[in-house]
Amino acid sequence: MKKSLSKRIKISKRGKILRRAMGQNHCLANKRTVQKKRRKTLRGLLHGEKFIKKHL
C-alpha cells in the first residue's frame, strides 16, 4: 500500500474514491467565503480509479 496515496484519498462505504479540493492550504484571507465553503467538501475522483485501487 502506498502511504502517500492513502493520506490523500478516502474510500466511502460504497467504494467511491473521495479527495480534498485543491487550493485550501494557505492564503485563505484572500479567498471569498463561498470559495472556502465550497472547498471544504470532499469531491469524487473520476479518472484513475483503477490505478488507485490497484495501489491500495
PDB file of N, CA and C in Angstrom:
ATOM      1  N   MET A   1       0.842  -1.185   0.000  1.00  0.00           N
ATOM      2  CA  MET A   1       0.000   0.000   0.000  1.00  0.00           C
ATOM      3  C   MET A   1       0.886   1.246   0.000  1.00  0.00           C
ATOM      4  N   LYS A   2       0.571   2.210  -0.845  1.00  0.00           N
ATOM      5  CA  LYS A   2       1.309   3.458  -0.915  1.00  0.00           C
ATOM      6  C   LYS A   2       0.797   4.413   0.157  1.00  0.00           C
ATOM      7  N   LYS A   3       1.660   4.778   1.095  1.00  0.00           N
ATOM      8  CA  LYS A   3       1.247   5.628   2.207  1.00  0.00           C
ATOM      9  C   LYS A   3       0.895   7.043   1.747  1.00  0.00           C
ATOM     10  N   SER A   4       1.633   7.555   0.763  1.00  0.00           N
ATOM     11  CA  SER A   4       1.364   8.906   0.283  1.00  0.00           C
ATOM     12  C   SER A   4      -0.009   8.994  -0.374  1.00  0.00           C
ATOM     13  N   LEU A   5      -0.418   7.928  -1.026  1.00  0.00           N
ATOM     14  CA  LEU A   5      -1.723   7.903  -1.678  1.00  0.00           C
ATOM     15  C   LEU A   5      -2.842   7.741  -0.661  1.00  0.00           C
ATOM     16  N   SER A   6      -2.627   6.925   0.356  1.00  0.00           N
ATOM     17  CA  SER A   6      -3.670   6.689   1.348  1.00  0.00           C
ATOM     18  C   SER A   6      -3.931   7.916   2.209  1.00  0.00           C
ATOM     19  N   LYS A   7      -2.961   8.835   2.314  1.00  0.00           N
ATOM     20  CA  LYS A   7      -3.175  10.067   3.068  1.00  0.00           C
ATOM     21  C   LYS A   7      -4.046  11.060   2.311  1.00  0.00           C
ATOM     22  N   ARG A   8      -4.049  10.982   0.994  1.00  0.00           N
ATOM     23  CA  ARG A   8      -4.735  11.979   0.185  1.00  0.00           C
ATOM     24  C   ARG A   8      -6.150  11.603  -0.213  1.00  0.00           C
ATOM     25  N   ILE A   9      -6.526  10.344  -0.084  1.00  0.00           N
ATOM     26  CA  ILE A   9      -7.856   9.925  -0.524  1.00  0.00           C
ATOM     27  C   ILE A   9      -8.580   9.190   0.598  1.00  0.00           C
ATOM     28  N   LYS A  10      -9.880   9.066   0.428  1.00  0.00           N
ATOM     29  CA  LYS A  10     -10.720   8.313   1.361  1.00  0.00           C
ATOM     30  C   LYS A  10     -11.672   7.472   0.520  1.00  0.00           C
ATOM     31  N   ILE A  11     -11.893   6.253   0.922  1.00  0.00           N
ATOM     32  CA  ILE A  11     -12.823   5.382   0.209  1.00  0.00           C
ATOM     33  C   ILE A  11     -14.111   5.304   1.006  1.00  0.00           C
ATOM     34  N   SER A  12     -15.226   5.613   0.347  1.00  0.00           N
ATOM     35  CA  SER A  12     -16.523   5.632   1.022  1.00  0.00           C
ATOM     36  C   SER A  12     -17.035   4.200   1.216  1.00  0.00           C
ATOM     37  N   LYS A  13     -18.169   4.079   1.902  1.00  0.00           N
ATOM     38  CA  LYS A  13     -18.756   2.758   2.157  1.00  0.00           C
ATOM     39  C   LYS A  13     -19.132   2.044   0.861  1.00  0.00           C
ATOM     40  N   ARG A  14     -19.560   2.807  -0.133  1.00  0.00           N
ATOM     41  CA  ARG A  14     -19.973   2.203  -1.398  1.00  0.00           C
ATOM     42  C   ARG A  14     -18.824   2.011  -2.377  1.00  0.00           C
ATOM     43  N   GLY A  15     -17.617   2.372  -1.952  1.00  0.00           N
ATOM     44  CA  GLY A  15     -16.445   2.130  -2.784  1.00  0.00           C
ATOM     45  C   GLY A  15     -16.020   3.302  -3.643  1.00  0.00           C
ATOM     46  N   LYS A  16     -16.652   4.471  -3.463  1.00  0.00           N
ATOM     47  CA  LYS A  16     -16.240   5.640  -4.230  1.00  0.00           C
ATOM     48  C   LYS A  16     -14.948   6.194  -3.645  1.00  0.00           C
ATOM     49  N   ILE A  17     -14.125   6.758  -4.503  1.00  0.00           N
ATOM     50  CA  ILE A  17     -12.870   7.362  -4.065  1.00  0.00           C
ATOM     51  C   ILE A  17     -13.073   8.865  -3.951  1.00  0.00           C
ATOM     52  N   LEU A  18     -12.828   9.411  -2.755  1.00  0.00           N
ATOM     53  CA  LEU A  18     -13.027  10.827  -2.494  1.00  0.00           C
ATOM     54  C   LEU A  18     -11.695  11.501  -2.239  1.00  0.00           C
ATOM     55  N   ARG A  19     -11.602  12.765  -2.612  1.00  0.00           N
ATOM     56  CA  ARG A  19     -10.381  13.535  -2.424  1.00  0.00           C
ATOM     57  C   ARG A  19     -10.737  14.925  -1.920  1.00  0.00           C
ATOM     58  N   ARG A  20      -9.737  15.625  -1.384  1.00  0.00           N
ATOM     59  CA  ARG A  20      -9.927  17.000  -0.949  1.00  0.00           C
ATOM     60  C   ARG A  20      -9.860  17.934  -2.147  1.00  0.00           C
ATOM     61  N   ALA A  21     -10.490  19.096  -2.020  1.00  0.00           N
ATOM     62  CA  ALA A  21     -10.403  20.105  -3.071  1.00  0.00           C
ATOM     63  C   ALA A  21      -9.049  20.795  -3.008  1.00  0.00           C
ATOM     64  N   MET A  22      -8.584  21.281  -4.137  1.00  0.00           N
ATOM     65  CA  MET A  22      -7.292  21.952  -4.197  1.00  0.00           C
ATOM     66  C   MET A  22      -7.432  23.404  -3.744  1.00  0.00           C
ATOM     67  N   GLY A  23      -6.325  24.000  -3.319  1.00  0.00           N
ATOM     68  CA  GLY A  23      -6.277  25.422  -3.024  1.00  0.00           C
ATOM     69  C   GLY A  23      -6.816  25.813  -1.666  1.00  0.00           C
ATOM     70  N   GLN A  24      -6.718  24.955  -0.665  1.00  0.00           N
ATOM     71  CA  GLN A  24      -7.272  25.238   0.653  1.00  0.00           C
ATOM     72  C   GLN A  24      -6.173  25.324   1.714  1.00  0.00           C
ATOM     73  N   ASN A  25      -4.919  25.308   1.327  1.00  0.00           N
ATOM     74  CA  ASN A  25      -3.851  25.214   2.306  1.00  0.00           C
ATOM     75  C   ASN A  25      -3.474  26.540   2.948  1.00  0.00           C
ATOM     76  N   HIS A  26      -3.279  27.588   2.158  1.00  0.00           N
ATOM     77  CA  HIS A  26      -2.841  28.857   2.736  1.00  0.00           C
ATOM     78  C   HIS A  26      -3.434  30.012   1.936  1.00  0.00           C
ATOM     79  N   CYS A  27      -3.185  31.232   2.379  1.00  0.00           N
ATOM     80  CA  CYS A  27      -3.723  32.457   1.774  1.00  0.00           C
ATOM     81  C   CYS A  27      -5.255  32.460   1.779  1.00  0.00           C
ATOM     82  N   LEU A  28      -5.846  32.038   2.877  1.00  0.00           N
ATOM     83  CA  LEU A  28      -7.303  31.975   2.947  1.00  0.00           C
ATOM     84  C   LEU A  28      -7.930  33.344   3.153  1.00  0.00           C
ATOM     85  N   ALA A  29      -7.156  34.327   3.594  1.00  0.00           N
ATOM     86  CA  ALA A  29      -7.702  35.667   3.793  1.00  0.00           C
ATOM     87  C   ALA A  29      -8.073  36.312   2.465  1.00  0.00           C
ATOM     88  N   ASN A  30      -7.414  35.902   1.390  1.00  0.00           N
ATOM     89  CA  ASN A  30      -7.681  36.489   0.079  1.00  0.00           C
ATOM     90  C   ASN A  30      -8.851  35.827  -0.643  1.00  0.00           C
ATOM     91  N   LYS A  31      -9.351  34.726  -0.117  1.00  0.00           N
ATOM     92  CA  LYS A  31     -10.424  33.999  -0.790  1.00  0.00           C
ATOM     93  C   LYS A  31     -11.783  34.386  -0.209  1.00  0.00           C
ATOM     94  N   ARG A  32     -12.805  34.323  -1.055  1.00  0.00           N
ATOM     95  CA  ARG A  32     -14.159  34.639  -0.606  1.00  0.00           C
ATOM     96  C   ARG A  32     -14.690  33.502   0.266  1.00  0.00           C
ATOM     97  N   THR A  33     -15.671  33.808   1.087  1.00  0.00           N
ATOM     98  CA  THR A  33     -16.266  32.808   1.980  1.00  0.00           C
ATOM     99  C   THR A  33     -16.896  31.676   1.189  1.00  0.00           C
ATOM    100  N   VAL A  34     -17.498  32.003   0.065  1.00  0.00           N
ATOM    101  CA  VAL A  34     -18.126  30.980  -0.773  1.00  0.00           C
ATOM    102  C   VAL A  34     -17.086  29.997  -1.292  1.00  0.00           C
ATOM    103  N   GLN A  35     -15.926  30.508  -1.675  1.00  0.00           N
ATOM    104  CA  GLN A  35     -14.863  29.637  -2.173  1.00  0.00           C
ATOM    105  C   GLN A  35     -14.366  28.702  -1.076  1.00  0.00           C
ATOM    106  N   LYS A  36     -14.208  29.230   0.126  1.00  0.00           N
ATOM    107  CA  LYS A  36     -13.708  28.410   1.239  1.00  0.00           C
ATOM    108  C   LYS A  36     -14.716  27.328   1.613  1.00  0.00           C
ATOM    109  N   LYS A  37     -16.000  27.658   1.614  1.00  0.00           N
ATOM    110  CA  LYS A  37     -17.028  26.661   1.942  1.00  0.00           C
ATOM    111  C   LYS A  37     -17.091  25.576   0.878  1.00  0.00           C
ATOM    112  N   ARG A  38     -16.952  25.973  -0.383  1.00  0.00           N
ATOM    113  CA  ARG A  38     -17.016  25.013  -1.480  1.00  0.00           C
ATOM    114  C   ARG A  38     -15.857  24.025  -1.425  1.00  0.00           C
ATOM    115  N   ARG A  39     -14.707  24.479  -0.975  1.00  0.00           N
ATOM    116  CA  ARG A  39     -13.528  23.614  -0.943  1.00  0.00           C
ATOM    117  C   ARG A  39     -13.476  22.709   0.282  1.00  0.00           C
ATOM    118  N   LYS A  40     -14.358  22.894   1.248  1.00  0.00           N
ATOM    119  CA  LYS A  40     -14.338  22.047   2.438  1.00  0.00           C
ATOM    120  C   LYS A  40     -14.920  20.660   2.166  1.00  0.00           C
ATOM    121  N   THR A  41     -15.794  20.546   1.180  1.00  0.00           N
ATOM    122  CA  THR A  41     -16.436  19.267   0.912  1.00  0.00           C
ATOM    123  C   THR A  41     -15.496  18.338   0.147  1.00  0.00           C
ATOM    124  N   LEU A  42     -15.643  17.052   0.352  1.00  0.00           N
ATOM    125  CA  LEU A  42     -14.866  16.060  -0.391  1.00  0.00           C
ATOM    126  C   LEU A  42     -15.455  15.907  -1.786  1.00  0.00           C
ATOM    127  N   ARG A  43     -14.599  15.665  -2.748  1.00  0.00           N
ATOM    128  CA  ARG A  43     -15.035  15.510  -4.132  1.00  0.00           C
ATOM    129  C   ARG A  43     -14.697  14.113  -4.627  1.00  0.00           C
ATOM    130  N   GLY A  44     -15.440  13.669  -5.599  1.00  0.00           N
ATOM    131  CA  GLY A  44     -15.186  12.364  -6.178  1.00  0.00           C
ATOM    132  C   GLY A  44     -14.014  12.402  -7.135  1.00  0.00           C
ATOM    133  N   LEU A  45     -13.396  11.279  -7.328  1.00  0.00           N
ATOM    134  CA  LEU A  45     -12.281  11.165  -8.254  1.00  0.00           C
ATOM    135  C   LEU A  45     -12.717  10.271  -9.405  1.00  0.00           C
ATOM    136  N   LEU A  46     -12.776  10.831 -10.602  1.00  0.00           N
ATOM    137  CA  LEU A  46     -13.287  10.079 -11.733  1.00  0.00           C
ATOM    138  C   LEU A  46     -12.186   9.341 -12.484  1.00  0.00           C
ATOM    139  N   HIS A  47     -11.102  10.030 -12.801  1.00  0.00           N
ATOM    140  CA  HIS A  47     -10.054   9.440 -13.622  1.00  0.00           C
ATOM    141  C   HIS A  47      -9.039   8.735 -12.741  1.00  0.00           C
ATOM    142  N   GLY A  48      -8.613   7.586 -13.155  1.00  0.00           N
ATOM    143  CA  GLY A  48      -7.560   6.870 -12.451  1.00  0.00           C
ATOM    144  C   GLY A  48      -8.036   6.028 -11.289  1.00  0.00           C
ATOM    145  N   GLU A  49      -9.328   5.704 -11.211  1.00  0.00           N
ATOM    146  CA  GLU A  49      -9.820   4.884 -10.099  1.00  0.00           C
ATOM    147  C   GLU A  49      -9.201   3.496 -10.122  1.00  0.00           C
ATOM    148  N   LYS A  50      -9.046   2.942 -11.302  1.00  0.00           N
ATOM    149  CA  LYS A  50      -8.461   1.606 -11.421  1.00  0.00           C
ATOM    150  C   LYS A  50      -7.013   1.617 -10.940  1.00  0.00           C
ATOM    151  N   PHE A  51      -6.277   2.680 -11.283  1.00  0.00           N
ATOM    152  CA  PHE A  51      -4.888   2.824 -10.866  1.00  0.00           C
ATOM    153  C   PHE A  51      -4.783   2.937  -9.350  1.00  0.00           C
ATOM    154  N   ILE A  52      -5.658   3.724  -8.755  1.00  0.00           N
ATOM    155  CA  ILE A  52      -5.605   3.948  -7.301  1.00  0.00           C
ATOM    156  C   ILE A  52      -5.988   2.684  -6.536  1.00  0.00           C
ATOM    157  N   LYS A  53      -7.038   2.004  -6.978  1.00  0.00           N
ATOM    158  CA  LYS A  53      -7.438   0.768  -6.288  1.00  0.00           C
ATOM    159  C   LYS A  53      -6.356  -0.300  -6.389  1.00  0.00           C
ATOM    160  N   LYS A  54      -5.591  -0.282  -7.470  1.00  0.00           N
ATOM    161  CA  LYS A  54      -4.510  -1.236  -7.637  1.00  0.00           C
ATOM    162  C   LYS A  54      -3.375  -0.966  -6.638  1.00  0.00           C
ATOM    163  N   HIS A  55      -3.133   0.309  -6.325  1.00  0.00           N
ATOM    164  CA  HIS A  55      -2.033   0.675  -5.454  1.00  0.00           C
ATOM    165  C   HIS A  55      -2.424   0.740  -3.983  1.00  0.00           C
ATOM    166  N   LEU A  56      -3.664   0.530  -3.665  1.00  0.00           N
ATOM    167  CA  LEU A  56      -4.071   0.472  -2.255  1.00  0.00           C
ATOM    168  C   LEU A  56      -4.016  -0.962  -1.826  1.00  0.00           C
TER     169      LEU A  56
END
